[in-house]
Amino acid sequence: MEIMNNWNQFLTAQGARPVATDGAPDSGAPIAAAPIHDFGQSLTVPQLQDGFVAAITDQGLIDLHGDDAASFLHGQLTNDVEHLSQEQVRLAGYCTPKGRLLASFLMWRNATTIYLQLPRAIQPAIQKRLQMFVLRAKAKLHDASGDEANQVILGLGGKQATAALSAWFPVLPATPFSKVEHASGTLLRVADAFGSARYEWLTSAATARDAWPQLTAQLAKGGSDAWHLSDIHAGIPQITAATQEQFVPQMVNFELLGGVNFKKGCYPGQEIVARSQYLGKLKRRTTLVSIADAAAVAGGELFAVSDPDQPCGMVVNAAPNGAGGIDALVEMKLGAIAEGSSAAGAVRYGSAQGASVHFLPMPYVLDALDL
């Protein structure tokens, strides 16, 4: 992890603040001990809309290679792996036998290797669990986070991002969930946000150090928080330690985002996921909100004022919005979403007397699956 330490040292010299283990900024923490939170202040949504570059330092990367790597993963994940091309990027879920998500992945491949990106905090346990099921398959798992080609992940988005990237990539991915390979690194185009393209650039620490001054001269600079805020506004959930085994994929809109393939063969939890889809059992979805409480975190509960004795939902992901509160993706009962969207203060965080939850427009339509 020495390269990562050196990259974090470079960022700290640029004014970056690491995150303490409790999630609070901690300028006194060891430089290599924690992800980068921000560069002194949280970026706002207007800043993200204009253009930003974020040092993403809290994500891990698993690579799988071998003759049976694709077929092995195809039998473990919610999405089609066997037909994943080298130009595609996909979301995929990893479920328990009860259909609850243990992890969500951003997935892509090259000629020899399939990559799974997930939060670094849960990577060791997920990688170990996958390894348990390899058995006789010709597939090997490897922590690729420190490999030279993946030493650094930069996230870019907003109106100015495409022009800034063009100095490093002669051709950019044309559509969301596609990628290009270049001498400068791997460029993934992920879900758009704010009407503009967003990208993840995986590259070496040396290339990132060269690019950082040029990028930050044109774009607002942020850390992992800024990237997660853009993910939240794109409506893209990520399973973290706080939310493992809480949701079936449809509860976090995963099939709406192309993260579930209902035509592929079996995988852990497949029967539950299919039943939720075809029998209309699901009465919960994930939506976008703003909460005037900077302490709101993933796993925190939401309450409808009309039914104060039991929670109506849970925070899936949360990030500071630069205005003193947080923006979040929250999984909720459909009735509570309708109630909260039509009446200010109808849903609150932490308790029925907690901070008010303000509902924001989602970037895609929520299909209720309430047949």
Protein backbone atom coordinates (compact mmCIF):
# COMPACT_ATOMS: atom_id res chain seq x y z
CA MET A 1 0.00 0.00 0.00
CA GLU A 2 3.05 2.28 -0.14
CA ILE A 3 1.98 3.79 -3.46
CA MET A 4 -1.44 4.65 -1.99
CA ASN A 5 0.30 6.20 1.01
CA ASN A 6 2.40 8.35 -1.32
CA TRP A 7 -0.69 9.40 -3.29
CA ASN A 8 -2.47 10.36 -0.08
CA GLN A 9 0.61 12.30 1.01
CA PHE A 10 0.53 14.15 -2.31
CA LEU A 11 -3.15 14.99 -1.81
CA THR A 12 -2.59 16.07 1.78
CA ALA A 13 0.02 18.50 0.52
CA GLN A 14 -2.73 19.91 -1.72
CA GLY A 15 -4.95 20.55 1.31
CA ALA A 16 -6.84 17.25 1.51
CA ARG A 17 -8.49 16.16 4.75
CA PRO A 18 -8.58 12.46 5.64
CA VAL A 19 -11.61 10.89 7.28
CA ALA A 20 -11.45 9.47 10.80
CA THR A 21 -12.84 6.03 11.51
CA ASP A 22 -16.06 7.56 12.84
CA GLY A 23 -16.59 9.40 9.56
CA ALA A 24 -15.59 12.86 10.78
CA PRO A 25 -12.79 14.86 9.13
CA ASP A 26 -9.54 14.25 10.98
CA SER A 27 -6.58 16.34 9.96
CA GLY A 28 -4.52 14.63 12.64
CA ALA A 29 -5.06 11.08 11.41
CA PRO A 30 -2.15 9.21 9.81
CA ILE A 31 -2.05 10.13 6.15
CA ALA A 32 -2.47 6.53 4.97
CA ALA A 33 -5.03 5.59 7.62
CA ALA A 34 -8.19 6.80 5.96
CA PRO A 35 -9.80 7.94 2.70
CA ILE A 36 -9.70 11.57 1.63
CA HIS A 37 -12.82 13.41 2.77
CA ASP A 38 -12.46 16.74 0.92
CA PHE A 39 -10.08 19.65 0.43
CA GLY A 40 -11.19 21.83 3.31
CA GLN A 41 -14.86 22.18 2.41
CA SER A 42 -17.61 20.08 0.91
CA LEU A 43 -18.43 20.76 -2.71
CA THR A 44 -21.95 21.97 -3.46
CA VAL A 45 -24.31 20.66 -6.11
CA PRO A 46 -23.77 23.78 -8.30
CA GLN A 47 -20.01 23.17 -8.14
CA LEU A 48 -20.53 19.56 -9.22
CA GLN A 49 -22.80 20.71 -12.03
CA ASP A 50 -20.14 23.11 -13.33
CA GLY A 51 -17.31 20.58 -13.24
CA PHE A 52 -15.28 18.68 -10.67
CA VAL A 53 -12.47 16.20 -10.19
CA ALA A 54 -12.53 13.96 -7.12
CA ALA A 55 -9.81 11.80 -5.63
CA ILE A 56 -11.72 8.57 -4.92
CA THR A 57 -9.78 6.88 -2.13
CA ASP A 58 -12.31 4.61 -0.41
CA GLN A 59 -12.89 2.04 -3.17
CA GLY A 60 -11.28 -1.37 -3.55
CA LEU A 61 -10.81 -3.50 -6.64
CA ILE A 62 -10.96 -7.27 -7.06
CA ASP A 63 -9.68 -8.88 -10.23
CA LEU A 64 -10.62 -12.35 -11.40
CA HIS A 65 -8.72 -14.16 -14.09
CA GLY A 66 -8.47 -17.68 -15.44
CA ASP A 67 -10.33 -19.80 -17.97
CA ASP A 68 -13.44 -20.08 -15.79
CA ALA A 69 -13.47 -16.55 -14.32
CA ALA A 70 -16.49 -15.36 -16.32
CA SER A 71 -18.55 -18.51 -15.87
CA PHE A 72 -17.76 -18.60 -12.14
CA LEU A 73 -18.87 -14.99 -11.61
CA HIS A 74 -21.89 -15.51 -13.86
CA GLY A 75 -23.14 -18.04 -11.31
CA GLN A 76 -22.55 -15.69 -8.38
CA LEU A 77 -23.81 -12.25 -9.44
CA THR A 78 -27.14 -10.73 -10.44
CA ASN A 79 -25.93 -9.61 -13.87
CA ASP A 80 -24.66 -11.29 -17.01
CA VAL A 81 -20.90 -11.73 -16.85
CA GLU A 82 -20.37 -14.24 -19.66
CA HIS A 83 -21.50 -11.74 -22.31
CA LEU A 84 -19.76 -8.70 -20.82
CA SER A 85 -17.66 -7.14 -23.59
CA GLN A 86 -14.42 -5.21 -23.22
CA GLU A 87 -16.24 -1.99 -24.13
CA GLN A 88 -18.97 -2.33 -21.49
CA VAL A 89 -19.32 -1.37 -17.84
CA ARG A 90 -22.10 -2.92 -15.75
CA LEU A 91 -23.53 -2.84 -12.26
CA ALA A 92 -23.91 -6.19 -10.51
CA GLY A 93 -25.08 -7.38 -7.10
CA TYR A 94 -23.87 -10.19 -4.83
CA CYS A 95 -26.68 -11.61 -2.72
CA THR A 96 -27.21 -13.95 0.19
CA PRO A 97 -29.35 -17.04 -0.44
CA LYS A 98 -32.25 -14.93 0.89
CA GLY A 99 -31.75 -12.42 -1.92
CA ARG A 100 -30.28 -9.66 0.26
CA LEU A 101 -27.38 -7.67 -1.14
CA LEU A 102 -24.00 -8.32 0.46
CA ALA A 103 -22.27 -6.07 -2.07
CA SER A 104 -22.84 -4.05 -5.21
CA PHE A 105 -20.16 -3.86 -7.87
CA LEU A 106 -19.13 -1.71 -10.76
CA MET A 107 -17.89 -4.36 -13.21
CA TRP A 108 -15.78 -4.28 -16.37
CA ARG A 109 -13.19 -6.44 -18.11
CA ASN A 110 -10.24 -6.52 -20.47
CA ALA A 111 -8.93 -9.42 -22.57
CA THR A 112 -7.77 -11.44 -19.55
CA THR A 113 -9.36 -10.05 -16.41
CA ILE A 114 -12.73 -9.13 -14.91
CA TYR A 115 -12.75 -6.28 -12.38
CA LEU A 116 -15.17 -5.70 -9.51
CA GLN A 117 -15.10 -2.33 -7.76
CA LEU A 118 -16.61 -2.07 -4.27
CA PRO A 119 -16.01 -0.20 -0.99
CA ARG A 120 -12.56 -0.99 0.34
CA ALA A 121 -13.98 -1.52 3.85
CA ILE A 122 -15.92 -4.61 2.79
CA GLN A 123 -13.56 -5.91 0.10
CA PRO A 124 -11.59 -8.42 2.25
CA ALA A 125 -14.70 -10.22 3.50
CA ILE A 126 -16.39 -10.24 0.07
CA GLN A 127 -13.25 -11.43 -1.67
CA LYS A 128 -12.85 -14.20 0.90
CA ARG A 129 -16.48 -15.27 0.46
CA LEU A 130 -16.17 -15.41 -3.33
CA GLN A 131 -12.95 -17.39 -2.99
CA MET A 132 -14.77 -20.00 -0.90
CA PHE A 133 -17.00 -20.88 -3.85
CA VAL A 134 -14.31 -21.12 -6.55
CA LEU A 135 -13.71 -24.81 -5.70
CA ARG A 136 -12.47 -26.54 -8.88
CA ALA A 137 -13.13 -23.62 -11.21
CA LYS A 138 -10.09 -22.25 -13.03
CA ALA A 139 -10.41 -18.78 -11.54
CA LYS A 140 -8.14 -16.78 -9.28
CA LEU A 141 -9.03 -13.69 -7.24
CA HIS A 142 -6.56 -10.91 -6.60
CA ASP A 143 -6.67 -7.56 -4.78
CA ALA A 144 -5.92 -5.26 -7.71
CA SER A 145 -6.16 -2.00 -5.75
CA GLY A 146 -2.40 -1.57 -5.56
CA ASP A 147 -1.53 -2.68 -9.11
CA GLU A 148 0.18 0.08 -11.04
CA ALA A 149 -2.63 0.50 -13.56
CA ASN A 150 -5.20 0.96 -10.76
CA GLN A 151 -3.21 2.81 -8.11
CA VAL A 152 -5.40 5.91 -8.35
CA ILE A 153 -9.07 6.48 -9.16
CA LEU A 154 -10.14 9.96 -10.22
CA GLY A 155 -13.82 10.81 -10.60
CA LEU A 156 -14.84 13.58 -12.97
CA GLY A 157 -18.18 15.10 -13.89
CA GLY A 158 -20.09 18.27 -14.69
CA LYS A 159 -20.13 20.56 -17.70
CA GLN A 160 -16.37 21.09 -17.89
CA ALA A 161 -15.20 17.52 -17.28
CA THR A 162 -15.31 16.23 -20.84
CA ALA A 163 -13.12 19.06 -22.14
CA ALA A 164 -10.66 18.59 -19.29
CA LEU A 165 -10.34 14.86 -20.00
CA SER A 166 -9.85 15.38 -23.71
CA ALA A 167 -6.30 16.54 -23.05
CA TRP A 168 -5.49 13.02 -21.83
CA PHE A 169 -7.81 10.81 -23.91
CA PRO A 170 -8.19 11.34 -27.67
CA VAL A 171 -11.44 9.36 -27.60
CA LEU A 172 -13.89 9.34 -24.69
CA PRO A 173 -16.56 6.70 -23.99
CA ALA A 174 -19.60 7.69 -26.02
CA THR A 175 -22.39 6.47 -23.74
CA PRO A 176 -22.98 5.76 -20.05
CA PHE A 177 -21.65 2.39 -18.86
CA SER A 178 -18.95 2.11 -21.49
CA LYS A 179 -15.16 2.36 -21.37
CA VAL A 180 -11.97 2.99 -23.30
CA GLU A 181 -8.39 1.84 -22.69
CA HIS A 182 -5.48 4.17 -23.38
CA ALA A 183 -1.84 4.63 -22.42
CA SER A 184 -3.08 7.13 -19.81
CA GLY A 185 -5.22 4.48 -18.14
CA THR A 186 -8.72 3.00 -18.14
CA LEU A 187 -11.59 5.46 -18.52
CA LEU A 188 -15.04 4.31 -17.44
CA ARG A 189 -18.11 6.35 -18.24
CA VAL A 190 -20.65 5.71 -15.51
CA ALA A 191 -24.19 7.04 -15.01
CA ASP A 192 -24.68 10.69 -16.00
CA ALA A 193 -25.60 13.29 -13.38
CA PHE A 194 -26.84 16.88 -13.68
CA GLY A 195 -27.26 16.36 -17.41
CA SER A 196 -23.53 15.75 -17.94
CA ALA A 197 -21.26 12.75 -18.32
CA ARG A 198 -19.37 11.31 -15.35
CA TYR A 199 -16.16 9.32 -15.56
CA GLU A 200 -13.87 7.19 -13.45
CA TRP A 201 -10.23 7.31 -14.51
CA LEU A 202 -8.06 4.46 -13.20
CA THR A 203 -4.37 5.14 -13.64
CA SER A 204 -0.94 5.03 -12.08
CA ALA A 205 0.05 7.34 -9.25
CA ALA A 206 2.70 8.90 -11.50
CA THR A 207 0.16 9.78 -14.20
CA ALA A 208 -2.31 11.05 -11.61
CA ARG A 209 0.28 13.37 -10.08
CA ASP A 210 1.00 14.78 -13.54
CA ALA A 211 -2.68 15.24 -14.37
CA TRP A 212 -3.90 16.61 -11.02
CA PRO A 213 -2.56 20.19 -11.39
CA GLN A 214 -4.02 20.53 -14.88
CA LEU A 215 -7.38 19.09 -13.89
CA THR A 216 -7.74 21.17 -10.73
CA ALA A 217 -6.90 24.33 -12.69
CA GLN A 218 -10.11 23.76 -14.65
CA LEU A 219 -12.34 21.87 -12.21
CA ALA A 220 -13.38 22.12 -8.56
CA LYS A 221 -11.40 19.59 -6.54
CA GLY A 222 -12.97 17.17 -4.11
CA GLY A 223 -12.46 13.89 -2.34
CA SER A 224 -14.54 10.77 -1.96
CA ASP A 225 -17.46 12.80 -0.54
CA ALA A 226 -17.82 14.77 -3.78
CA TRP A 227 -17.88 11.59 -5.84
CA HIS A 228 -20.49 10.00 -3.60
CA LEU A 229 -22.63 13.15 -3.81
CA SER A 230 -22.56 12.87 -7.59
CA ASP A 231 -23.43 9.17 -7.38
CA ILE A 232 -26.37 10.02 -5.13
CA HIS A 233 -27.68 12.59 -7.61
CA ALA A 234 -27.26 10.04 -10.40
CA GLY A 235 -29.46 7.69 -8.37
CA ILE A 236 -26.73 5.04 -8.14
CA PRO A 237 -26.72 3.16 -4.81
CA GLN A 238 -23.73 1.40 -3.30
CA ILE A 239 -23.93 -1.22 -0.59
CA THR A 240 -21.63 -0.42 2.34
CA ALA A 241 -20.90 -2.12 5.65
CA ALA A 242 -23.85 -0.29 7.23
CA THR A 243 -26.37 -1.65 4.73
CA GLN A 244 -25.23 -5.20 3.97
CA GLU A 245 -28.10 -7.73 3.93
CA GLN A 246 -30.74 -4.97 4.21
CA PHE A 247 -32.12 -4.86 0.67
CA VAL A 248 -33.12 -7.09 -2.21
CA PRO A 249 -31.79 -5.52 -5.45
CA GLN A 250 -35.12 -3.97 -6.51
CA MET A 251 -35.42 -2.08 -3.22
CA VAL A 252 -32.41 0.00 -4.31
CA ASN A 253 -33.63 0.26 -7.93
CA PHE A 254 -30.92 -2.06 -9.16
CA GLU A 255 -32.93 -3.63 -11.98
CA LEU A 256 -33.91 -0.14 -13.21
CA LEU A 257 -30.18 0.59 -13.56
CA GLY A 258 -29.41 -2.55 -15.53
CA GLY A 259 -27.86 -4.32 -12.55
CA VAL A 260 -30.08 -7.42 -12.70
CA ASN A 261 -30.46 -9.79 -15.63
CA PHE A 262 -33.63 -11.86 -15.29
CA LYS A 263 -32.80 -14.13 -18.24
CA LYS A 264 -29.50 -15.50 -16.89
CA GLY A 265 -29.13 -18.69 -14.88
CA CYS A 266 -29.11 -19.23 -11.16
CA TYR A 267 -27.10 -17.30 -8.59
CA PRO A 268 -27.43 -17.01 -4.80
CA GLY A 269 -30.81 -15.44 -3.99
CA GLN A 270 -32.05 -15.62 -7.59
CA GLU A 271 -35.40 -17.17 -6.68
CA ILE A 272 -36.20 -14.37 -4.21
CA VAL A 273 -35.11 -11.66 -6.64
CA ALA A 274 -37.22 -13.15 -9.44
CA ARG A 275 -40.23 -13.57 -7.18
CA SER A 276 -40.00 -9.91 -6.16
CA GLN A 277 -40.00 -8.94 -9.82
CA TYR A 278 -42.70 -11.14 -11.29
CA LEU A 279 -45.15 -11.56 -8.41
CA GLY A 280 -45.31 -7.86 -7.57
CA LYS A 281 -44.23 -8.36 -3.96
CA LEU A 282 -42.09 -5.24 -3.77
CA LYS A 283 -43.61 -2.19 -2.10
CA ARG A 284 -40.38 -0.29 -1.48
CA ARG A 285 -38.05 1.82 -3.61
CA THR A 286 -35.05 4.14 -3.26
CA THR A 287 -35.36 7.87 -3.85
CA LEU A 288 -33.34 11.08 -3.55
CA VAL A 289 -33.66 13.41 -0.56
CA SER A 290 -31.92 16.19 1.31
CA ILE A 291 -31.71 16.08 5.11
CA ALA A 292 -30.87 19.12 7.24
CA ASP A 293 -28.72 17.05 9.58
CA ALA A 294 -25.01 16.71 8.89
CA ALA A 295 -24.92 13.63 11.15
CA ALA A 296 -27.22 11.56 8.92
CA VAL A 297 -25.43 8.40 7.79
CA ALA A 298 -26.00 5.21 5.80
CA GLY A 299 -28.04 2.79 7.87
CA GLY A 300 -29.88 5.60 9.67
CA GLU A 301 -33.63 5.15 9.91
CA LEU A 302 -36.47 7.34 8.63
CA PHE A 303 -39.88 7.81 10.19
CA ALA A 304 -43.23 8.99 8.84
CA VAL A 305 -44.89 11.48 11.18
CA SER A 306 -48.20 9.74 10.50
CA ASP A 307 -46.80 6.42 11.80
CA PRO A 308 -44.13 7.38 14.35
CA ASP A 309 -43.66 4.04 16.09
CA GLN A 310 -41.85 2.17 13.35
CA PRO A 311 -39.32 3.22 10.71
CA CYS A 312 -40.55 3.66 7.16
CA GLY A 313 -37.13 3.57 5.53
CA MET A 314 -33.36 3.60 5.74
CA VAL A 315 -30.54 5.76 4.38
CA VAL A 316 -28.68 3.83 1.68
CA ASN A 317 -25.95 6.40 0.95
CA ALA A 318 -25.32 9.90 2.25
CA ALA A 319 -22.83 12.68 1.45
CA PRO A 320 -22.34 16.29 2.61
CA ASN A 321 -24.05 18.72 0.23
CA GLY A 322 -21.98 21.80 1.03
CA ALA A 323 -25.03 23.56 2.54
CA GLY A 324 -24.73 22.21 6.07
CA GLY A 325 -26.77 19.05 5.53
CA ILE A 326 -26.53 15.90 3.52
CA ASP A 327 -28.08 14.60 0.33
CA ALA A 328 -28.97 10.93 0.38
CA LEU A 329 -30.48 7.97 -1.35
CA VAL A 330 -33.10 6.49 0.97
CA GLU A 331 -34.99 3.20 0.67
CA MET A 332 -38.60 3.59 1.79
CA LYS A 333 -42.11 2.26 1.65
CA LEU A 334 -43.84 3.53 -1.46
CA GLY A 335 -46.58 5.08 0.65
CA ALA A 336 -44.04 7.06 2.66
CA ILE A 337 -42.37 8.29 -0.55
CA ALA A 338 -45.74 9.53 -1.82
CA GLU A 339 -46.55 11.11 1.54
CA GLY A 340 -43.17 12.77 1.93
CA SER A 341 -43.16 14.07 -1.63
CA SER A 342 -46.52 15.79 -1.20
CA ALA A 343 -46.25 17.18 2.34
CA ALA A 344 -43.21 19.00 3.74
CA GLY A 345 -41.98 17.53 7.00
CA ALA A 346 -44.02 14.33 6.66
CA VAL A 347 -40.89 12.18 6.86
CA ARG A 348 -38.05 12.73 9.33
CA TYR A 349 -34.62 11.34 10.09
CA GLY A 350 -33.86 9.39 13.27
CA SER A 351 -37.32 9.71 14.81
CA ALA A 352 -40.70 11.28 14.08
CA GLN A 353 -39.34 14.41 15.79
CA GLY A 354 -36.02 14.41 13.91
CA ALA A 355 -34.68 16.51 11.07
CA SER A 356 -37.07 17.03 8.17
CA VAL A 357 -36.49 15.05 4.97
CA HIS A 358 -36.91 17.05 1.76
CA PHE A 359 -37.68 14.97 -1.33
CA LEU A 360 -35.85 15.81 -4.58
CA PRO A 361 -36.58 14.75 -8.17
CA MET A 362 -35.04 11.44 -9.19
CA PRO A 363 -33.05 11.26 -12.45
CA TYR A 364 -35.16 8.29 -13.59
CA VAL A 365 -38.72 7.07 -13.11
CA LEU A 366 -39.43 4.74 -10.19
CA ASP A 367 -41.46 1.73 -11.31
CA ALA A 368 -43.44 0.74 -8.23
CA LEU A 369 -43.61 -3.02 -8.92
CA ASP A 370 -46.79 -2.93 -6.85
CA LEU A 371 -49.01 -5.08 -9.06
